[in-house]
Amino acid sequence: MSAPADVPAFRTTLTVAGVLFVLLAVMNLVRGPADILAPFGFAPELLGDPLFGDFFHWLFVHMATIGVLIVLLGRLVDGRRRQTVVAWTLLAALLHYGYLDLSTSVWGSGLYADPASLVIVAMDAAFVLAVGHVCVRSVLVHLRPPEAAVEG
């Protein structure tokens, strides 16, 4: 149970977001880069290149690691001030990831020139909205005395 001095929804949101990061990373590791990138029309030589495969393996292991860290932060960080710093820092990172994905999607440079690129952008938006909600709640809870804060 969260302490009364927690930012509302902090623990739940970060735990769910982190678990989703891990699940998405594992699903992509299982599928492999050739299958993931098939809709985008990359050359078979590129998709079969061991260096390319190694890069994508590293990318998804990195994503899973970030997910584990998000879960740990969500479960272990106590206190409104610390949770507020973590939430706003995570929001900044998620906004940057979203920008990168949007800039290479069909709405950006078109590097990933298939409408499927917008699925990633939509997932970025969902993560930003969820963590952004926690950030707004962190500001609101700082405006109220601790006894007025309610976990939600």
N, C-alpha and C. Protein backbone atom coordinates (compact mmCIF):
# COMPACT_ATOMS: atom_id res chain seq x y z
N MET A 1 0.84 -1.18 0.00
CA MET A 1 0.00 0.00 0.00
C MET A 1 0.88 1.23 0.00
N SER A 2 0.53 2.22 -0.80
CA SER A 2 1.29 3.45 -0.90
C SER A 2 1.11 4.30 0.35
N ALA A 3 2.18 4.98 0.71
CA ALA A 3 2.13 5.90 1.83
C ALA A 3 1.26 7.10 1.43
N PRO A 4 0.61 7.75 2.42
CA PRO A 4 -0.24 8.89 2.10
C PRO A 4 0.50 10.03 1.39
N ALA A 5 1.80 10.11 1.57
CA ALA A 5 2.57 11.20 0.97
C ALA A 5 3.00 10.89 -0.46
N ASP A 6 2.48 9.83 -1.05
CA ASP A 6 2.83 9.49 -2.43
C ASP A 6 2.06 10.35 -3.43
N VAL A 7 2.63 10.48 -4.63
CA VAL A 7 1.90 11.10 -5.74
C VAL A 7 0.84 10.10 -6.19
N PRO A 8 -0.41 10.52 -6.29
CA PRO A 8 -1.46 9.59 -6.71
C PRO A 8 -1.16 8.96 -8.07
N ALA A 9 -1.39 7.67 -8.16
CA ALA A 9 -1.24 6.87 -9.38
C ALA A 9 0.22 6.64 -9.79
N PHE A 10 1.18 7.13 -9.03
CA PHE A 10 2.59 6.98 -9.39
C PHE A 10 2.99 5.51 -9.48
N ARG A 11 2.77 4.76 -8.41
CA ARG A 11 3.23 3.37 -8.37
C ARG A 11 2.57 2.51 -9.44
N THR A 12 1.26 2.64 -9.55
CA THR A 12 0.52 1.82 -10.51
C THR A 12 0.93 2.15 -11.94
N THR A 13 0.98 3.43 -12.27
CA THR A 13 1.30 3.85 -13.64
C THR A 13 2.69 3.41 -14.04
N LEU A 14 3.68 3.64 -13.19
CA LEU A 14 5.04 3.26 -13.54
C LEU A 14 5.20 1.74 -13.61
N THR A 15 4.53 1.03 -12.73
CA THR A 15 4.61 -0.43 -12.77
C THR A 15 4.02 -0.97 -14.07
N VAL A 16 2.84 -0.50 -14.43
CA VAL A 16 2.20 -0.96 -15.67
C VAL A 16 3.03 -0.56 -16.89
N ALA A 17 3.50 0.69 -16.93
CA ALA A 17 4.30 1.15 -18.06
C ALA A 17 5.58 0.32 -18.20
N GLY A 18 6.24 0.08 -17.09
CA GLY A 18 7.48 -0.71 -17.13
C GLY A 18 7.25 -2.14 -17.59
N VAL A 19 6.18 -2.75 -17.10
CA VAL A 19 5.85 -4.12 -17.53
C VAL A 19 5.55 -4.14 -19.02
N LEU A 20 4.83 -3.13 -19.52
CA LEU A 20 4.54 -3.07 -20.96
C LEU A 20 5.82 -2.90 -21.77
N PHE A 21 6.75 -2.08 -21.30
CA PHE A 21 8.05 -1.95 -21.98
C PHE A 21 8.72 -3.32 -22.09
N VAL A 22 8.75 -4.06 -20.99
CA VAL A 22 9.40 -5.37 -21.00
C VAL A 22 8.68 -6.32 -21.95
N LEU A 23 7.35 -6.36 -21.88
CA LEU A 23 6.60 -7.27 -22.76
C LEU A 23 6.79 -6.93 -24.24
N LEU A 24 6.74 -5.65 -24.58
CA LEU A 24 6.96 -5.25 -25.97
C LEU A 24 8.37 -5.62 -26.43
N ALA A 25 9.35 -5.41 -25.57
CA ALA A 25 10.73 -5.75 -25.93
C ALA A 25 10.89 -7.26 -26.15
N VAL A 26 10.33 -8.06 -25.25
CA VAL A 26 10.44 -9.51 -25.39
C VAL A 26 9.72 -9.98 -26.65
N MET A 27 8.53 -9.43 -26.92
CA MET A 27 7.81 -9.80 -28.14
C MET A 27 8.64 -9.48 -29.39
N ASN A 28 9.31 -8.33 -29.39
CA ASN A 28 10.14 -7.96 -30.54
C ASN A 28 11.40 -8.82 -30.63
N LEU A 29 11.98 -9.19 -29.50
CA LEU A 29 13.13 -10.09 -29.52
C LEU A 29 12.74 -11.44 -30.12
N VAL A 30 11.57 -11.92 -29.76
CA VAL A 30 11.10 -13.21 -30.28
C VAL A 30 10.84 -13.11 -31.78
N ARG A 31 10.22 -12.03 -32.22
CA ARG A 31 9.90 -11.86 -33.66
C ARG A 31 11.15 -11.68 -34.50
N GLY A 32 12.10 -10.92 -34.01
CA GLY A 32 13.31 -10.64 -34.77
C GLY A 32 13.15 -9.46 -35.71
N PRO A 33 14.27 -8.82 -36.06
CA PRO A 33 14.21 -7.59 -36.85
C PRO A 33 13.65 -7.80 -38.26
N ALA A 34 13.95 -8.91 -38.89
CA ALA A 34 13.46 -9.13 -40.26
C ALA A 34 11.93 -9.14 -40.29
N ASP A 35 11.32 -9.80 -39.33
CA ASP A 35 9.86 -9.87 -39.28
C ASP A 35 9.24 -8.52 -38.91
N ILE A 36 9.86 -7.83 -37.95
CA ILE A 36 9.35 -6.53 -37.51
C ILE A 36 9.40 -5.50 -38.64
N LEU A 37 10.48 -5.51 -39.39
CA LEU A 37 10.70 -4.48 -40.40
C LEU A 37 10.23 -4.86 -41.80
N ALA A 38 9.68 -6.05 -41.97
CA ALA A 38 9.21 -6.50 -43.28
C ALA A 38 8.23 -5.53 -43.94
N PRO A 39 7.27 -4.96 -43.21
CA PRO A 39 6.31 -4.06 -43.88
C PRO A 39 6.93 -2.77 -44.41
N PHE A 40 8.14 -2.45 -43.99
CA PHE A 40 8.72 -1.16 -44.33
C PHE A 40 9.59 -1.18 -45.59
N GLY A 41 9.73 -2.34 -46.23
CA GLY A 41 10.41 -2.43 -47.52
C GLY A 41 11.91 -2.30 -47.49
N PHE A 42 12.56 -2.65 -46.39
CA PHE A 42 14.01 -2.62 -46.35
C PHE A 42 14.57 -3.78 -47.17
N ALA A 43 15.74 -3.59 -47.73
CA ALA A 43 16.38 -4.61 -48.57
C ALA A 43 16.65 -5.88 -47.75
N PRO A 44 16.41 -7.05 -48.34
CA PRO A 44 16.68 -8.30 -47.64
C PRO A 44 18.13 -8.43 -47.18
N GLU A 45 19.07 -7.86 -47.95
CA GLU A 45 20.48 -7.92 -47.56
C GLU A 45 20.71 -7.20 -46.23
N LEU A 46 20.02 -6.06 -46.07
CA LEU A 46 20.14 -5.29 -44.83
C LEU A 46 19.52 -6.08 -43.67
N LEU A 47 18.33 -6.61 -43.88
CA LEU A 47 17.63 -7.33 -42.82
C LEU A 47 18.39 -8.59 -42.40
N GLY A 48 19.14 -9.18 -43.33
CA GLY A 48 19.90 -10.39 -43.02
C GLY A 48 21.30 -10.14 -42.51
N ASP A 49 21.73 -8.89 -42.49
CA ASP A 49 23.08 -8.55 -42.05
C ASP A 49 23.23 -8.82 -40.54
N PRO A 50 24.26 -9.57 -40.14
CA PRO A 50 24.45 -9.86 -38.71
C PRO A 50 24.62 -8.60 -37.85
N LEU A 51 25.25 -7.57 -38.39
CA LEU A 51 25.42 -6.33 -37.63
C LEU A 51 24.06 -5.70 -37.34
N PHE A 52 23.19 -5.70 -38.34
CA PHE A 52 21.84 -5.17 -38.19
C PHE A 52 21.07 -5.96 -37.13
N GLY A 53 21.17 -7.29 -37.22
CA GLY A 53 20.51 -8.15 -36.23
C GLY A 53 21.02 -7.90 -34.82
N ASP A 54 22.35 -7.72 -34.70
CA ASP A 54 22.95 -7.45 -33.39
C ASP A 54 22.46 -6.12 -32.84
N PHE A 55 22.37 -5.10 -33.71
CA PHE A 55 21.88 -3.80 -33.27
C PHE A 55 20.45 -3.90 -32.73
N PHE A 56 19.58 -4.57 -33.46
CA PHE A 56 18.19 -4.67 -33.02
C PHE A 56 18.06 -5.53 -31.77
N HIS A 57 18.90 -6.54 -31.63
CA HIS A 57 18.89 -7.32 -30.39
C HIS A 57 19.25 -6.41 -29.22
N TRP A 58 20.32 -5.62 -29.39
CA TRP A 58 20.73 -4.70 -28.33
C TRP A 58 19.62 -3.71 -28.02
N LEU A 59 18.98 -3.17 -29.06
CA LEU A 59 17.90 -2.19 -28.88
C LEU A 59 16.79 -2.74 -27.99
N PHE A 60 16.36 -3.97 -28.25
CA PHE A 60 15.24 -4.51 -27.49
C PHE A 60 15.66 -5.01 -26.11
N VAL A 61 16.90 -5.43 -25.96
CA VAL A 61 17.39 -5.73 -24.60
C VAL A 61 17.44 -4.43 -23.80
N HIS A 62 17.89 -3.34 -24.44
CA HIS A 62 17.93 -2.04 -23.79
C HIS A 62 16.51 -1.60 -23.38
N MET A 63 15.54 -1.80 -24.26
CA MET A 63 14.15 -1.45 -23.96
C MET A 63 13.63 -2.25 -22.77
N ALA A 64 13.95 -3.54 -22.72
CA ALA A 64 13.52 -4.37 -21.58
C ALA A 64 14.18 -3.88 -20.29
N THR A 65 15.44 -3.51 -20.38
CA THR A 65 16.15 -3.01 -19.19
C THR A 65 15.52 -1.71 -18.69
N ILE A 66 15.19 -0.82 -19.61
CA ILE A 66 14.50 0.42 -19.23
C ILE A 66 13.17 0.08 -18.55
N GLY A 67 12.45 -0.89 -19.08
CA GLY A 67 11.19 -1.31 -18.47
C GLY A 67 11.37 -1.79 -17.05
N VAL A 68 12.39 -2.61 -16.82
CA VAL A 68 12.67 -3.10 -15.47
C VAL A 68 12.99 -1.93 -14.54
N LEU A 69 13.79 -0.98 -15.03
CA LEU A 69 14.12 0.19 -14.21
C LEU A 69 12.89 1.04 -13.90
N ILE A 70 11.98 1.17 -14.86
CA ILE A 70 10.75 1.93 -14.61
C ILE A 70 9.92 1.24 -13.53
N VAL A 71 9.82 -0.09 -13.59
CA VAL A 71 9.09 -0.83 -12.55
C VAL A 71 9.75 -0.61 -11.20
N LEU A 72 11.07 -0.74 -11.14
CA LEU A 72 11.77 -0.55 -9.86
C LEU A 72 11.57 0.87 -9.32
N LEU A 73 11.66 1.86 -10.18
CA LEU A 73 11.41 3.23 -9.73
C LEU A 73 9.99 3.38 -9.20
N GLY A 74 9.04 2.81 -9.91
CA GLY A 74 7.65 2.89 -9.48
C GLY A 74 7.39 2.22 -8.15
N ARG A 75 8.09 1.13 -7.89
CA ARG A 75 7.86 0.38 -6.66
C ARG A 75 8.69 0.90 -5.48
N LEU A 76 9.87 1.46 -5.76
CA LEU A 76 10.80 1.75 -4.66
C LEU A 76 10.94 3.23 -4.29
N VAL A 77 10.56 4.14 -5.17
CA VAL A 77 10.72 5.56 -4.86
C VAL A 77 9.57 6.02 -3.97
N ASP A 78 9.92 6.56 -2.82
CA ASP A 78 8.94 7.06 -1.86
C ASP A 78 8.98 8.57 -1.79
N GLY A 79 7.85 9.13 -1.38
CA GLY A 79 7.78 10.57 -1.12
C GLY A 79 7.40 11.36 -2.36
N ARG A 80 6.58 12.35 -2.13
CA ARG A 80 6.08 13.17 -3.23
C ARG A 80 7.18 13.86 -4.04
N ARG A 81 8.13 14.45 -3.36
CA ARG A 81 9.18 15.19 -4.07
C ARG A 81 9.98 14.26 -4.98
N ARG A 82 10.41 13.13 -4.46
CA ARG A 82 11.19 12.18 -5.27
C ARG A 82 10.35 11.60 -6.41
N GLN A 83 9.11 11.27 -6.12
CA GLN A 83 8.24 10.72 -7.16
C GLN A 83 7.97 11.76 -8.24
N THR A 84 7.84 13.01 -7.86
CA THR A 84 7.63 14.08 -8.82
C THR A 84 8.83 14.21 -9.75
N VAL A 85 10.03 14.17 -9.20
CA VAL A 85 11.24 14.26 -10.01
C VAL A 85 11.32 13.08 -10.98
N VAL A 86 11.05 11.89 -10.49
CA VAL A 86 11.10 10.69 -11.34
C VAL A 86 10.05 10.79 -12.45
N ALA A 87 8.83 11.18 -12.12
CA ALA A 87 7.75 11.25 -13.11
C ALA A 87 8.07 12.26 -14.20
N TRP A 88 8.53 13.44 -13.82
CA TRP A 88 8.83 14.47 -14.82
C TRP A 88 10.05 14.09 -15.67
N THR A 89 11.02 13.44 -15.08
CA THR A 89 12.19 12.98 -15.83
C THR A 89 11.78 11.90 -16.83
N LEU A 90 10.95 10.97 -16.38
CA LEU A 90 10.46 9.92 -17.28
C LEU A 90 9.62 10.53 -18.40
N LEU A 91 8.79 11.52 -18.08
CA LEU A 91 7.99 12.17 -19.11
C LEU A 91 8.89 12.82 -20.17
N ALA A 92 9.95 13.47 -19.74
CA ALA A 92 10.88 14.09 -20.70
C ALA A 92 11.50 13.03 -21.62
N ALA A 93 11.91 11.91 -21.05
CA ALA A 93 12.48 10.83 -21.86
C ALA A 93 11.45 10.27 -22.84
N LEU A 94 10.23 10.05 -22.37
CA LEU A 94 9.18 9.51 -23.23
C LEU A 94 8.81 10.48 -24.34
N LEU A 95 8.79 11.77 -24.04
CA LEU A 95 8.53 12.77 -25.08
C LEU A 95 9.63 12.73 -26.15
N HIS A 96 10.86 12.56 -25.73
CA HIS A 96 11.97 12.48 -26.69
C HIS A 96 11.84 11.21 -27.54
N TYR A 97 11.56 10.07 -26.91
CA TYR A 97 11.36 8.84 -27.68
C TYR A 97 10.21 9.01 -28.67
N GLY A 98 9.13 9.63 -28.22
CA GLY A 98 7.99 9.87 -29.10
C GLY A 98 8.35 10.76 -30.28
N TYR A 99 9.13 11.81 -30.01
CA TYR A 99 9.60 12.69 -31.09
C TYR A 99 10.42 11.90 -32.10
N LEU A 100 11.33 11.06 -31.63
CA LEU A 100 12.16 10.27 -32.54
C LEU A 100 11.31 9.35 -33.39
N ASP A 101 10.34 8.68 -32.77
CA ASP A 101 9.48 7.77 -33.53
C ASP A 101 8.60 8.52 -34.52
N LEU A 102 8.06 9.65 -34.11
CA LEU A 102 7.23 10.46 -35.00
C LEU A 102 8.05 10.99 -36.18
N SER A 103 9.29 11.41 -35.91
CA SER A 103 10.11 12.02 -36.96
C SER A 103 10.52 11.02 -38.04
N THR A 104 10.48 9.72 -37.77
CA THR A 104 10.83 8.72 -38.78
C THR A 104 9.60 7.98 -39.31
N SER A 105 8.42 8.33 -38.83
CA SER A 105 7.18 7.67 -39.26
C SER A 105 6.71 8.23 -40.59
N VAL A 106 5.56 7.76 -41.06
CA VAL A 106 4.98 8.31 -42.31
C VAL A 106 4.62 9.78 -42.13
N TRP A 107 4.45 10.26 -40.91
CA TRP A 107 4.16 11.68 -40.67
C TRP A 107 5.44 12.50 -40.55
N GLY A 108 6.59 11.84 -40.58
CA GLY A 108 7.87 12.53 -40.49
C GLY A 108 8.66 12.34 -41.77
N SER A 109 9.88 11.84 -41.62
CA SER A 109 10.76 11.67 -42.78
C SER A 109 10.33 10.52 -43.69
N GLY A 110 9.49 9.63 -43.19
CA GLY A 110 9.07 8.49 -43.99
C GLY A 110 10.08 7.38 -44.04
N LEU A 111 11.11 7.42 -43.17
CA LEU A 111 12.07 6.32 -43.13
C LEU A 111 11.35 4.99 -42.97
N TYR A 112 10.36 4.98 -42.08
CA TYR A 112 9.48 3.81 -41.93
C TYR A 112 8.18 4.18 -42.64
N ALA A 113 8.15 3.96 -43.96
CA ALA A 113 7.12 4.50 -44.83
C ALA A 113 5.90 3.60 -44.94
N ASP A 114 5.47 3.05 -43.87
CA ASP A 114 4.27 2.22 -43.85
C ASP A 114 3.39 2.77 -42.73
N PRO A 115 2.08 2.77 -42.92
CA PRO A 115 1.20 3.24 -41.83
C PRO A 115 1.41 2.50 -40.51
N ALA A 116 2.01 1.32 -40.55
CA ALA A 116 2.30 0.59 -39.32
C ALA A 116 3.24 1.37 -38.41
N SER A 117 4.01 2.33 -38.99
CA SER A 117 4.90 3.14 -38.16
C SER A 117 4.11 3.98 -37.16
N LEU A 118 2.84 4.21 -37.45
CA LEU A 118 2.01 5.02 -36.54
C LEU A 118 1.57 4.23 -35.31
N VAL A 119 1.67 2.91 -35.35
CA VAL A 119 1.37 2.11 -34.16
C VAL A 119 2.35 2.47 -33.05
N ILE A 120 3.61 2.59 -33.40
CA ILE A 120 4.64 2.95 -32.41
C ILE A 120 4.37 4.37 -31.88
N VAL A 121 3.99 5.27 -32.77
CA VAL A 121 3.69 6.65 -32.36
C VAL A 121 2.49 6.65 -31.41
N ALA A 122 1.49 5.83 -31.69
CA ALA A 122 0.32 5.74 -30.80
C ALA A 122 0.71 5.18 -29.44
N MET A 123 1.60 4.19 -29.42
CA MET A 123 2.07 3.65 -28.13
C MET A 123 2.85 4.71 -27.37
N ASP A 124 3.69 5.46 -28.07
CA ASP A 124 4.41 6.57 -27.42
C ASP A 124 3.42 7.55 -26.80
N ALA A 125 2.38 7.90 -27.56
CA ALA A 125 1.38 8.85 -27.05
C ALA A 125 0.69 8.30 -25.81
N ALA A 126 0.39 7.00 -25.80
CA ALA A 126 -0.27 6.40 -24.63
C ALA A 126 0.64 6.47 -23.40
N PHE A 127 1.93 6.17 -23.58
CA PHE A 127 2.87 6.25 -22.45
C PHE A 127 3.00 7.70 -21.97
N VAL A 128 3.09 8.65 -22.90
CA VAL A 128 3.20 10.06 -22.54
C VAL A 128 1.95 10.52 -21.78
N LEU A 129 0.78 10.13 -22.25
CA LEU A 129 -0.46 10.52 -21.56
C LEU A 129 -0.53 9.93 -20.16
N ALA A 130 -0.15 8.66 -20.03
CA ALA A 130 -0.21 8.02 -18.71
C ALA A 130 0.76 8.69 -17.72
N VAL A 131 2.00 8.86 -18.14
CA VAL A 131 2.98 9.48 -17.23
C VAL A 131 2.69 10.97 -17.09
N GLY A 132 2.20 11.61 -18.15
CA GLY A 132 1.80 13.01 -18.04
C GLY A 132 0.70 13.20 -17.02
N HIS A 133 -0.22 12.26 -16.95
CA HIS A 133 -1.28 12.29 -15.93
C HIS A 133 -0.68 12.27 -14.53
N VAL A 134 0.32 11.43 -14.32
CA VAL A 134 1.00 11.37 -13.02
C VAL A 134 1.69 12.70 -12.74
N CYS A 135 2.29 13.30 -13.76
CA CYS A 135 2.96 14.59 -13.56
C CYS A 135 1.97 15.67 -13.15
N VAL A 136 0.83 15.72 -13.81
CA VAL A 136 -0.20 16.69 -13.43
C VAL A 136 -0.65 16.44 -12.00
N ARG A 137 -0.86 15.17 -11.67
CA ARG A 137 -1.26 14.84 -10.29
C ARG A 137 -0.18 15.25 -9.30
N SER A 138 1.10 15.14 -9.71
CA SER A 138 2.19 15.52 -8.81
C SER A 138 2.15 17.02 -8.51
N VAL A 139 1.78 17.81 -9.50
CA VAL A 139 1.65 19.25 -9.28
C VAL A 139 0.46 19.54 -8.37
N LEU A 140 -0.66 18.89 -8.65
CA LEU A 140 -1.87 19.12 -7.85
C LEU A 140 -1.66 18.71 -6.40
N VAL A 141 -0.97 17.60 -6.18
CA VAL A 141 -0.77 17.13 -4.81
C VAL A 141 0.18 18.06 -4.05
N HIS A 142 1.09 18.74 -4.77
CA HIS A 142 1.97 19.71 -4.11
C HIS A 142 1.20 20.97 -3.70
N LEU A 143 0.07 21.20 -4.33
CA LEU A 143 -0.73 22.37 -3.99
C LEU A 143 -1.65 22.13 -2.80
N ARG A 144 -1.79 20.85 -2.42
CA ARG A 144 -2.66 20.50 -1.28
C ARG A 144 -1.80 20.04 -0.10
N PRO A 145 -2.30 20.18 1.08
CA PRO A 145 -1.56 19.64 2.23
C PRO A 145 -1.56 18.11 2.16
N PRO A 146 -0.55 17.44 2.76
CA PRO A 146 -0.43 15.98 2.67
C PRO A 146 -1.69 15.24 3.10
N GLU A 147 -2.40 15.72 4.10
CA GLU A 147 -3.58 14.99 4.57
C GLU A 147 -4.74 15.06 3.56
N ALA A 148 -4.68 16.00 2.62
CA ALA A 148 -5.73 16.12 1.61
C ALA A 148 -5.47 15.23 0.40
N ALA A 149 -4.25 14.71 0.26
CA ALA A 149 -3.89 13.86 -0.89
C ALA A 149 -4.54 12.49 -0.72
N VAL A 150 -5.11 12.00 -1.81
CA VAL A 150 -5.77 10.69 -1.81
C VAL A 150 -5.18 9.89 -2.95
N GLU A 151 -4.83 8.64 -2.69
CA GLU A 151 -4.32 7.74 -3.74
C GLU A 151 -5.42 7.50 -4.75
N GLY A 152 -5.12 7.60 -6.04
CA GLY A 152 -6.14 7.40 -7.05
C GLY A 152 -5.62 6.88 -8.32
